[in-house]
Amino acid sequence: MNHLPKTNATVTDPVCGMAIDPATAVGSSRHDGEKYYFCSRGCETKFDSAPATYSGAAVATTANASCYSTGHSCC
């Protein structure tokens, strides 16, 4: 899965599922050669503490989509 954007593209925060512009992302991390972007420091910290939980097939499941379900509570 390539998380690097093309022109005017958004990427998905792997923790909360929010669509974000990589140019304005609060943070980013690398895991297994992939770069991931985050909407908040909270999402970045969660990812960094357990990247395998949020990368690959586990990306943006309903269970961890806190930004959408609670009005962006991950920030």
PDB file of N, CA and C in Angstrom:
ATOM      1  N   MET A   1       0.850  -1.177   0.000  1.00  0.00           N
ATOM      2  CA  MET A   1       0.000   0.000   0.000  1.00  0.00           C
ATOM      3  C   MET A   1       0.892   1.236   0.000  1.00  0.00           C
ATOM      4  N   ASN A   2       0.698   2.099  -0.926  1.00  0.00           N
ATOM      5  CA  ASN A   2       1.496   3.316  -1.027  1.00  0.00           C
ATOM      6  C   ASN A   2       0.740   4.464  -0.374  1.00  0.00           C
ATOM      7  N   HIS A   3       1.316   5.045   0.678  1.00  0.00           N
ATOM      8  CA  HIS A   3       0.681   6.144   1.386  1.00  0.00           C
ATOM      9  C   HIS A   3       1.202   7.493   0.920  1.00  0.00           C
ATOM     10  N   LEU A   4       2.102   7.497  -0.039  1.00  0.00           N
ATOM     11  CA  LEU A   4       2.612   8.761  -0.564  1.00  0.00           C
ATOM     12  C   LEU A   4       1.625   9.321  -1.575  1.00  0.00           C
ATOM     13  N   PRO A   5       1.248  10.562  -1.419  1.00  0.00           N
ATOM     14  CA  PRO A   5       0.199  11.130  -2.261  1.00  0.00           C
ATOM     15  C   PRO A   5       0.663  11.540  -3.650  1.00  0.00           C
ATOM     16  N   LYS A   6      -0.290  11.593  -4.550  1.00  0.00           N
ATOM     17  CA  LYS A   6      -0.079  12.216  -5.846  1.00  0.00           C
ATOM     18  C   LYS A   6      -0.552  13.655  -5.715  1.00  0.00           C
ATOM     19  N   THR A   7      -0.412  14.447  -6.733  1.00  0.00           N
ATOM     20  CA  THR A   7      -0.805  15.852  -6.689  1.00  0.00           C
ATOM     21  C   THR A   7      -2.262  16.005  -6.236  1.00  0.00           C
ATOM     22  N   ASN A   8      -2.483  16.921  -5.275  1.00  0.00           N
ATOM     23  CA  ASN A   8      -3.815  17.236  -4.755  1.00  0.00           C
ATOM     24  C   ASN A   8      -4.542  16.025  -4.176  1.00  0.00           C
ATOM     25  N   ALA A   9      -3.827  15.027  -3.704  1.00  0.00           N
ATOM     26  CA  ALA A   9      -4.436  13.831  -3.153  1.00  0.00           C
ATOM     27  C   ALA A   9      -4.465  13.901  -1.634  1.00  0.00           C
ATOM     28  N   THR A  10      -5.362  13.152  -1.050  1.00  0.00           N
ATOM     29  CA  THR A  10      -5.373  13.001   0.390  1.00  0.00           C
ATOM     30  C   THR A  10      -4.933  11.583   0.724  1.00  0.00           C
ATOM     31  N   VAL A  11      -4.543  11.404   1.964  1.00  0.00           N
ATOM     32  CA  VAL A  11      -4.194  10.094   2.480  1.00  0.00           C
ATOM     33  C   VAL A  11      -5.047   9.841   3.713  1.00  0.00           C
ATOM     34  N   THR A  12      -5.080   8.597   4.158  1.00  0.00           N
ATOM     35  CA  THR A  12      -5.885   8.227   5.310  1.00  0.00           C
ATOM     36  C   THR A  12      -5.011   8.063   6.535  1.00  0.00           C
ATOM     37  N   ASP A  13      -5.375   8.748   7.616  1.00  0.00           N
ATOM     38  CA  ASP A  13      -4.711   8.547   8.899  1.00  0.00           C
ATOM     39  C   ASP A  13      -5.007   7.101   9.298  1.00  0.00           C
ATOM     40  N   PRO A  14      -3.979   6.262   9.498  1.00  0.00           N
ATOM     41  CA  PRO A  14      -4.218   4.848   9.758  1.00  0.00           C
ATOM     42  C   PRO A  14      -4.831   4.563  11.119  1.00  0.00           C
ATOM     43  N   VAL A  15      -4.813   5.517  12.027  1.00  0.00           N
ATOM     44  CA  VAL A  15      -5.358   5.309  13.363  1.00  0.00           C
ATOM     45  C   VAL A  15      -6.846   5.613  13.416  1.00  0.00           C
ATOM     46  N   CYS A  16      -7.252   6.761  12.890  1.00  0.00           N
ATOM     47  CA  CYS A  16      -8.652   7.183  13.022  1.00  0.00           C
ATOM     48  C   CYS A  16      -9.445   7.123  11.728  1.00  0.00           C
ATOM     49  N   GLY A  17      -8.752   7.001  10.588  1.00  0.00           N
ATOM     50  CA  GLY A  17      -9.448   6.905   9.313  1.00  0.00           C
ATOM     51  C   GLY A  17      -9.760   8.232   8.654  1.00  0.00           C
ATOM     52  N   MET A  18      -9.312   9.320   9.231  1.00  0.00           N
ATOM     53  CA  MET A  18      -9.583  10.644   8.676  1.00  0.00           C
ATOM     54  C   MET A  18      -8.787  10.878   7.392  1.00  0.00           C
ATOM     55  N   ALA A  19      -9.421  11.463   6.390  1.00  0.00           N
ATOM     56  CA  ALA A  19      -8.730  11.849   5.149  1.00  0.00           C
ATOM     57  C   ALA A  19      -7.999  13.158   5.416  1.00  0.00           C
ATOM     58  N   ILE A  20      -6.708  13.190   5.137  1.00  0.00           N
ATOM     59  CA  ILE A  20      -5.909  14.394   5.395  1.00  0.00           C
ATOM     60  C   ILE A  20      -4.990  14.686   4.222  1.00  0.00           C
ATOM     61  N   ASP A  21      -4.627  15.943   4.105  1.00  0.00           N
ATOM     62  CA  ASP A  21      -3.668  16.386   3.106  1.00  0.00           C
ATOM     63  C   ASP A  21      -2.273  16.188   3.710  1.00  0.00           C
ATOM     64  N   PRO A  22      -1.412  15.414   3.089  1.00  0.00           N
ATOM     65  CA  PRO A  22      -0.080  15.178   3.645  1.00  0.00           C
ATOM     66  C   PRO A  22       0.730  16.459   3.846  1.00  0.00           C
ATOM     67  N   ALA A  23       0.446  17.477   3.055  1.00  0.00           N
ATOM     68  CA  ALA A  23       1.178  18.736   3.187  1.00  0.00           C
ATOM     69  C   ALA A  23       0.844  19.462   4.482  1.00  0.00           C
ATOM     70  N   THR A  24      -0.323  19.179   5.050  1.00  0.00           N
ATOM     71  CA  THR A  24      -0.725  19.837   6.287  1.00  0.00           C
ATOM     72  C   THR A  24      -0.870  18.855   7.449  1.00  0.00           C
ATOM     73  N   ALA A  25      -0.416  17.617   7.263  1.00  0.00           N
ATOM     74  CA  ALA A  25      -0.494  16.614   8.329  1.00  0.00           C
ATOM     75  C   ALA A  25       0.307  17.071   9.540  1.00  0.00           C
ATOM     76  N   VAL A  26      -0.172  16.741  10.718  1.00  0.00           N
ATOM     77  CA  VAL A  26       0.491  17.123  11.961  1.00  0.00           C
ATOM     78  C   VAL A  26       1.789  16.347  12.149  1.00  0.00           C
ATOM     79  N   GLY A  27       1.806  15.105  11.683  1.00  0.00           N
ATOM     80  CA  GLY A  27       3.010  14.296  11.825  1.00  0.00           C
ATOM     81  C   GLY A  27       3.037  13.163  10.829  1.00  0.00           C
ATOM     82  N   SER A  28       4.155  12.446  10.830  1.00  0.00           N
ATOM     83  CA  SER A  28       4.294  11.275   9.968  1.00  0.00           C
ATOM     84  C   SER A  28       5.268  10.301  10.617  1.00  0.00           C
ATOM     85  N   SER A  29       5.135   9.032  10.235  1.00  0.00           N
ATOM     86  CA  SER A  29       6.026   7.975  10.721  1.00  0.00           C
ATOM     87  C   SER A  29       6.264   6.986   9.600  1.00  0.00           C
ATOM     88  N   ARG A  30       7.356   6.272   9.715  1.00  0.00           N
ATOM     89  CA  ARG A  30       7.661   5.197   8.771  1.00  0.00           C
ATOM     90  C   ARG A  30       7.548   3.860   9.484  1.00  0.00           C
ATOM     91  N   HIS A  31       7.007   2.871   8.754  1.00  0.00           N
ATOM     92  CA  HIS A  31       6.919   1.505   9.269  1.00  0.00           C
ATOM     93  C   HIS A  31       7.005   0.560   8.082  1.00  0.00           C
ATOM     94  N   ASP A  32       7.902  -0.408   8.160  1.00  0.00           N
ATOM     95  CA  ASP A  32       8.094  -1.392   7.082  1.00  0.00           C
ATOM     96  C   ASP A  32       8.246  -0.730   5.714  1.00  0.00           C
ATOM     97  N   GLY A  33       8.980   0.383   5.669  1.00  0.00           N
ATOM     98  CA  GLY A  33       9.259   1.051   4.406  1.00  0.00           C
ATOM     99  C   GLY A  33       8.146   1.943   3.884  1.00  0.00           C
ATOM    100  N   GLU A  34       7.035   2.035   4.602  1.00  0.00           N
ATOM    101  CA  GLU A  34       5.910   2.883   4.197  1.00  0.00           C
ATOM    102  C   GLU A  34       5.865   4.130   5.073  1.00  0.00           C
ATOM    103  N   LYS A  35       5.403   5.225   4.508  1.00  0.00           N
ATOM    104  CA  LYS A  35       5.243   6.455   5.271  1.00  0.00           C
ATOM    105  C   LYS A  35       3.760   6.680   5.539  1.00  0.00           C
ATOM    106  N   TYR A  36       3.426   6.974   6.796  1.00  0.00           N
ATOM    107  CA  TYR A  36       2.060   7.211   7.229  1.00  0.00           C
ATOM    108  C   TYR A  36       1.944   8.630   7.762  1.00  0.00           C
ATOM    109  N   TYR A  37       0.797   9.265   7.516  1.00  0.00           N
ATOM    110  CA  TYR A  37       0.565  10.648   7.935  1.00  0.00           C
ATOM    111  C   TYR A  37      -0.570  10.684   8.959  1.00  0.00           C
ATOM    112  N   PHE A  38      -0.526  11.694   9.853  1.00  0.00           N
ATOM    113  CA  PHE A  38      -1.477  11.739  10.961  1.00  0.00           C
ATOM    114  C   PHE A  38      -2.141  13.092  11.104  1.00  0.00           C
ATOM    115  N   CYS A  39      -3.401  13.070  11.558  1.00  0.00           N
ATOM    116  CA  CYS A  39      -4.181  14.290  11.765  1.00  0.00           C
ATOM    117  C   CYS A  39      -3.834  14.958  13.084  1.00  0.00           C
ATOM    118  N   SER A  40      -3.262  14.206  14.028  1.00  0.00           N
ATOM    119  CA  SER A  40      -2.969  14.746  15.359  1.00  0.00           C
ATOM    120  C   SER A  40      -1.772  14.031  15.970  1.00  0.00           C
ATOM    121  N   ARG A  41      -1.187  14.642  16.997  1.00  0.00           N
ATOM    122  CA  ARG A  41      -0.091  14.002  17.729  1.00  0.00           C
ATOM    123  C   ARG A  41      -0.597  12.756  18.447  1.00  0.00           C
ATOM    124  N   GLY A  42      -1.856  12.777  18.881  1.00  0.00           N
ATOM    125  CA  GLY A  42      -2.430  11.603  19.541  1.00  0.00           C
ATOM    126  C   GLY A  42      -2.442  10.391  18.628  1.00  0.00           C
ATOM    127  N   CYS A  43      -2.862  10.583  17.386  1.00  0.00           N
ATOM    128  CA  CYS A  43      -2.872   9.476  16.419  1.00  0.00           C
ATOM    129  C   CYS A  43      -1.450   9.024  16.109  1.00  0.00           C
ATOM    130  N   GLU A  44      -0.534   9.961  15.983  1.00  0.00           N
ATOM    131  CA  GLU A  44       0.857   9.612  15.716  1.00  0.00           C
ATOM    132  C   GLU A  44       1.438   8.790  16.872  1.00  0.00           C
ATOM    133  N   THR A  45       1.152   9.183  18.104  1.00  0.00           N
ATOM    134  CA  THR A  45       1.644   8.468  19.281  1.00  0.00           C
ATOM    135  C   THR A  45       1.069   7.053  19.355  1.00  0.00           C
ATOM    136  N   LYS A  46      -0.243   6.919  19.082  1.00  0.00           N
ATOM    137  CA  LYS A  46      -0.868   5.590  19.077  1.00  0.00           C
ATOM    138  C   LYS A  46      -0.204   4.698  18.038  1.00  0.00           C
ATOM    139  N   PHE A  47       0.004   5.240  16.848  1.00  0.00           N
ATOM    140  CA  PHE A  47       0.639   4.466  15.778  1.00  0.00           C
ATOM    141  C   PHE A  47       2.045   4.043  16.182  1.00  0.00           C
ATOM    142  N   ASP A  48       2.830   4.978  16.685  1.00  0.00           N
ATOM    143  CA  ASP A  48       4.221   4.690  17.043  1.00  0.00           C
ATOM    144  C   ASP A  48       4.337   3.655  18.157  1.00  0.00           C
ATOM    145  N   SER A  49       3.328   3.565  19.023  1.00  0.00           N
ATOM    146  CA  SER A  49       3.377   2.596  20.110  1.00  0.00           C
ATOM    147  C   SER A  49       3.035   1.179  19.654  1.00  0.00           C
ATOM    148  N   ALA A  50       2.334   1.035  18.533  1.00  0.00           N
ATOM    149  CA  ALA A  50       1.953  -0.288  18.016  1.00  0.00           C
ATOM    150  C   ALA A  50       1.691  -0.217  16.522  1.00  0.00           C
ATOM    151  N   PRO A  51       2.722   0.037  15.716  1.00  0.00           N
ATOM    152  CA  PRO A  51       2.496   0.248  14.277  1.00  0.00           C
ATOM    153  C   PRO A  51       1.852  -0.925  13.550  1.00  0.00           C
ATOM    154  N   ALA A  52       2.114  -2.147  13.957  1.00  0.00           N
ATOM    155  CA  ALA A  52       1.525  -3.297  13.278  1.00  0.00           C
ATOM    156  C   ALA A  52       0.009  -3.325  13.434  1.00  0.00           C
ATOM    157  N   THR A  53      -0.494  -2.740  14.505  1.00  0.00           N
ATOM    158  CA  THR A  53      -1.933  -2.678  14.752  1.00  0.00           C
ATOM    159  C   THR A  53      -2.633  -1.793  13.738  1.00  0.00           C
ATOM    160  N   TYR A  54      -1.949  -0.751  13.280  1.00  0.00           N
ATOM    161  CA  TYR A  54      -2.573   0.252  12.428  1.00  0.00           C
ATOM    162  C   TYR A  54      -2.116   0.234  10.980  1.00  0.00           C
ATOM    163  N   SER A  55      -1.156  -0.569  10.629  1.00  0.00           N
ATOM    164  CA  SER A  55      -0.660  -0.594   9.258  1.00  0.00           C
ATOM    165  C   SER A  55      -1.266  -1.765   8.493  1.00  0.00           C
ATOM    166  N   GLY A  56      -1.105  -1.746   7.196  1.00  0.00           N
ATOM    167  CA  GLY A  56      -1.573  -2.846   6.358  1.00  0.00           C
ATOM    168  C   GLY A  56      -3.077  -3.027   6.394  1.00  0.00           C
ATOM    169  N   ALA A  57      -3.514  -4.249   6.612  1.00  0.00           N
ATOM    170  CA  ALA A  57      -4.934  -4.596   6.564  1.00  0.00           C
ATOM    171  C   ALA A  57      -5.744  -3.963   7.689  1.00  0.00           C
ATOM    172  N   ALA A  58      -5.092  -3.555   8.767  1.00  0.00           N
ATOM    173  CA  ALA A  58      -5.810  -2.994   9.918  1.00  0.00           C
ATOM    174  C   ALA A  58      -6.127  -1.513   9.762  1.00  0.00           C
ATOM    175  N   VAL A  59      -5.754  -0.903   8.663  1.00  0.00           N
ATOM    176  CA  VAL A  59      -5.907   0.547   8.485  1.00  0.00           C
ATOM    177  C   VAL A  59      -7.369   0.975   8.529  1.00  0.00           C
ATOM    178  N   ALA A  60      -7.646   1.965   9.380  1.00  0.00           N
ATOM    179  CA  ALA A  60      -8.929   2.678   9.425  1.00  0.00           C
ATOM    180  C   ALA A  60     -10.166   1.796   9.495  1.00  0.00           C
ATOM    181  N   THR A  61     -10.216   0.921  10.471  1.00  0.00           N
ATOM    182  CA  THR A  61     -11.413   0.118  10.673  1.00  0.00           C
ATOM    183  C   THR A  61     -12.446   0.944  11.424  1.00  0.00           C
ATOM    184  N   THR A  62     -13.669   0.513  11.408  1.00  0.00           N
ATOM    185  CA  THR A  62     -14.733   1.217  12.124  1.00  0.00           C
ATOM    186  C   THR A  62     -14.421   1.305  13.608  1.00  0.00           C
ATOM    187  N   ALA A  63     -13.806   0.293  14.168  1.00  0.00           N
ATOM    188  CA  ALA A  63     -13.516   0.262  15.601  1.00  0.00           C
ATOM    189  C   ALA A  63     -12.561   1.361  16.031  1.00  0.00           C
ATOM    190  N   ASN A  64     -11.670   1.801  15.166  1.00  0.00           N
ATOM    191  CA  ASN A  64     -10.712   2.834  15.580  1.00  0.00           C
ATOM    192  C   ASN A  64     -10.942   4.168  14.876  1.00  0.00           C
ATOM    193  N   ALA A  65     -12.114   4.363  14.308  1.00  0.00           N
ATOM    194  CA  ALA A  65     -12.402   5.601  13.587  1.00  0.00           C
ATOM    195  C   ALA A  65     -12.954   6.672  14.527  1.00  0.00           C
ATOM    196  N   SER A  66     -12.197   7.009  15.563  1.00  0.00           N
ATOM    197  CA  SER A  66     -12.672   7.939  16.580  1.00  0.00           C
ATOM    198  C   SER A  66     -12.890   9.353  16.054  1.00  0.00           C
ATOM    199  N   CYS A  67     -12.153   9.791  15.055  1.00  0.00           N
ATOM    200  CA  CYS A  67     -12.333  11.146  14.529  1.00  0.00           C
ATOM    201  C   CYS A  67     -13.727  11.329  13.954  1.00  0.00           C
ATOM    202  N   TYR A  68     -14.231  10.324  13.276  1.00  0.00           N
ATOM    203  CA  TYR A  68     -15.537  10.448  12.656  1.00  0.00           C
ATOM    204  C   TYR A  68     -16.673  10.227  13.647  1.00  0.00           C
ATOM    205  N   SER A  69     -16.516   9.275  14.538  1.00  0.00           N
ATOM    206  CA  SER A  69     -17.614   8.914  15.421  1.00  0.00           C
ATOM    207  C   SER A  69     -17.827   9.896  16.561  1.00  0.00           C
ATOM    208  N   THR A  70     -16.802  10.625  16.962  1.00  0.00           N
ATOM    209  CA  THR A  70     -16.960  11.517  18.117  1.00  0.00           C
ATOM    210  C   THR A  70     -16.580  12.955  17.801  1.00  0.00           C
ATOM    211  N   GLY A  71     -16.548  13.319  16.563  1.00  0.00           N
ATOM    212  CA  GLY A  71     -16.237  14.690  16.227  1.00  0.00           C
ATOM    213  C   GLY A  71     -14.772  15.032  16.378  1.00  0.00           C
ATOM    214  N   HIS A  72     -13.903  14.142  15.971  1.00  0.00           N
ATOM    215  CA  HIS A  72     -12.466  14.389  15.937  1.00  0.00           C
ATOM    216  C   HIS A  72     -11.858  14.428  17.343  1.00  0.00           C
ATOM    217  N   SER A  73     -12.185  13.456  18.158  1.00  0.00           N
ATOM    218  CA  SER A  73     -11.703  13.413  19.542  1.00  0.00           C
ATOM    219  C   SER A  73     -10.251  13.008  19.690  1.00  0.00           C
ATOM    220  N   CYS A  74      -9.624  12.579  18.609  1.00  0.00           N
ATOM    221  CA  CYS A  74      -8.234  12.135  18.727  1.00  0.00           C
ATOM    222  C   CYS A  74      -7.255  13.307  18.835  1.00  0.00           C
ATOM    223  N   CYS A  75      -7.707  14.482  18.528  1.00  0.00           N
ATOM    224  CA  CYS A  75      -6.822  15.657  18.572  1.00  0.00           C
ATOM    225  C   CYS A  75      -6.652  16.205  19.967  1.00  0.00           C
TER     226      CYS A  75
END
